[in-house]
Amino acid sequence: MLGFRNSLLAGVVVLAGLAHAQSATDELSNGEVRKVDKENARITLKHGPLNNLEMPGMTMVFKVSDNALLDTVQTGDKVRFRAEMVDGKIVVTKLEAAR
């Protein structure tokens, strides 16, 4: 019985760890749109820390994974976004208006 309890407890710990890892990978960062460059599929964001990339807050230019993301924002908008390393470049993969 003790072996079963230990196995069950270990399973719960593993699942809790996976849930935490999933929430960390889905985490969105806060930012403000400084410039939208649809012609070059780029956006300039003043942003807070990007925890998934271990990057402090700053203002920088990002490529976007899909040009349609740029249709949803304009200069001055507060946004929540996800940036990821793609082929050695930091790319915005998710972008939404801040609530």
Protein backbone atom coordinates (compact mmCIF):
# COMPACT_ATOMS: atom_id res chain seq x y z
CA MET A 1 0.00 0.00 0.00
CA LEU A 2 2.85 2.37 0.79
CA GLY A 3 4.31 1.78 -2.69
CA PHE A 4 0.99 2.72 -4.30
CA ARG A 5 0.75 5.91 -2.22
CA ASN A 6 4.28 6.92 -3.14
CA SER A 7 3.58 6.26 -6.82
CA LEU A 8 0.36 8.25 -6.65
CA LEU A 9 2.10 11.14 -4.87
CA ALA A 10 4.90 11.11 -7.44
CA GLY A 11 2.33 11.26 -10.24
CA VAL A 12 0.60 14.25 -8.65
CA VAL A 13 3.93 16.07 -8.28
CA VAL A 14 4.80 15.40 -11.94
CA LEU A 15 1.40 16.67 -13.13
CA ALA A 16 1.71 19.81 -11.00
CA GLY A 17 5.14 20.45 -12.50
CA LEU A 18 3.80 20.02 -16.03
CA ALA A 19 0.95 22.43 -15.34
CA HIS A 20 3.42 25.02 -14.05
CA ALA A 21 5.70 24.55 -17.06
CA GLN A 22 2.73 24.87 -19.42
CA SER A 23 1.58 28.11 -17.79
CA ALA A 24 5.12 29.52 -18.01
CA THR A 25 5.38 28.70 -21.71
CA ASP A 26 1.98 30.25 -22.45
CA GLU A 27 2.73 33.39 -20.47
CA LEU A 28 2.08 36.70 -22.22
CA SER A 29 4.17 39.83 -21.68
CA ASN A 30 2.92 43.40 -21.45
CA GLY A 31 3.91 46.00 -23.99
CA GLU A 32 3.06 49.20 -25.79
CA VAL A 33 3.12 49.51 -29.57
CA ARG A 34 5.62 52.16 -30.68
CA LYS A 35 5.56 51.44 -34.43
CA VAL A 36 3.81 49.09 -36.87
CA ASP A 37 5.70 48.25 -40.08
CA LYS A 38 3.36 46.10 -42.19
CA GLU A 39 5.60 46.30 -45.27
CA ASN A 40 8.45 44.53 -43.43
CA ALA A 41 6.29 42.43 -41.04
CA ARG A 42 7.79 44.14 -37.99
CA ILE A 43 6.50 45.75 -34.83
CA THR A 44 8.33 47.95 -32.35
CA LEU A 45 7.27 47.31 -28.76
CA LYS A 46 8.22 48.88 -25.46
CA HIS A 47 7.86 45.82 -23.24
CA GLY A 48 8.29 44.46 -19.77
CA PRO A 49 10.36 41.38 -19.02
CA LEU A 50 10.10 38.43 -21.42
CA ASN A 51 10.43 35.68 -18.84
CA ASN A 52 10.44 32.82 -21.34
CA LEU A 53 13.47 34.40 -23.06
CA GLU A 54 15.06 35.65 -19.81
CA MET A 55 15.10 39.18 -21.25
CA PRO A 56 14.57 42.40 -19.28
CA GLY A 57 12.14 45.08 -20.32
CA MET A 58 13.21 47.39 -23.16
CA THR A 59 12.08 48.80 -26.48
CA MET A 60 12.88 46.68 -29.51
CA VAL A 61 11.81 45.70 -33.01
CA PHE A 62 10.32 42.24 -33.54
CA LYS A 63 9.41 40.25 -36.63
CA VAL A 64 5.88 38.82 -36.51
CA SER A 65 4.98 35.22 -37.32
CA ASP A 66 1.87 36.32 -39.21
CA ASN A 67 1.31 39.72 -40.86
CA ALA A 68 -2.37 39.54 -39.82
CA LEU A 69 -1.24 40.22 -36.24
CA LEU A 70 -0.31 43.74 -37.32
CA ASP A 71 -3.85 44.45 -38.51
CA THR A 72 -5.11 44.27 -34.93
CA VAL A 73 -2.96 47.05 -33.41
CA GLN A 74 -1.80 50.59 -33.95
CA THR A 75 0.81 52.90 -32.44
CA GLY A 76 0.07 53.65 -28.79
CA ASP A 77 -1.97 50.49 -28.10
CA LYS A 78 -1.30 48.56 -24.90
CA VAL A 79 -0.85 44.90 -25.78
CA ARG A 80 -0.14 41.46 -24.37
CA PHE A 81 2.12 39.34 -26.52
CA ARG A 82 4.21 36.22 -26.77
CA ALA A 83 7.70 36.36 -28.27
CA GLU A 84 9.68 33.22 -29.03
CA MET A 85 13.05 32.31 -30.49
CA VAL A 86 12.44 31.06 -34.06
CA ASP A 87 15.41 30.15 -36.26
CA GLY A 88 17.71 32.28 -34.13
CA LYS A 89 15.43 35.36 -34.21
CA ILE A 90 12.96 36.67 -31.68
CA VAL A 91 9.50 36.62 -33.26
CA VAL A 92 6.11 37.74 -31.94
CA THR A 93 3.85 34.69 -32.25
CA LYS A 94 0.80 36.00 -30.38
CA LEU A 95 -0.50 39.54 -30.01
CA GLU A 96 -3.67 40.85 -28.41
CA ALA A 97 -5.05 44.08 -27.00
CA ALA A 98 -4.45 44.45 -23.26
CA ARG A 99 -7.60 44.19 -21.15
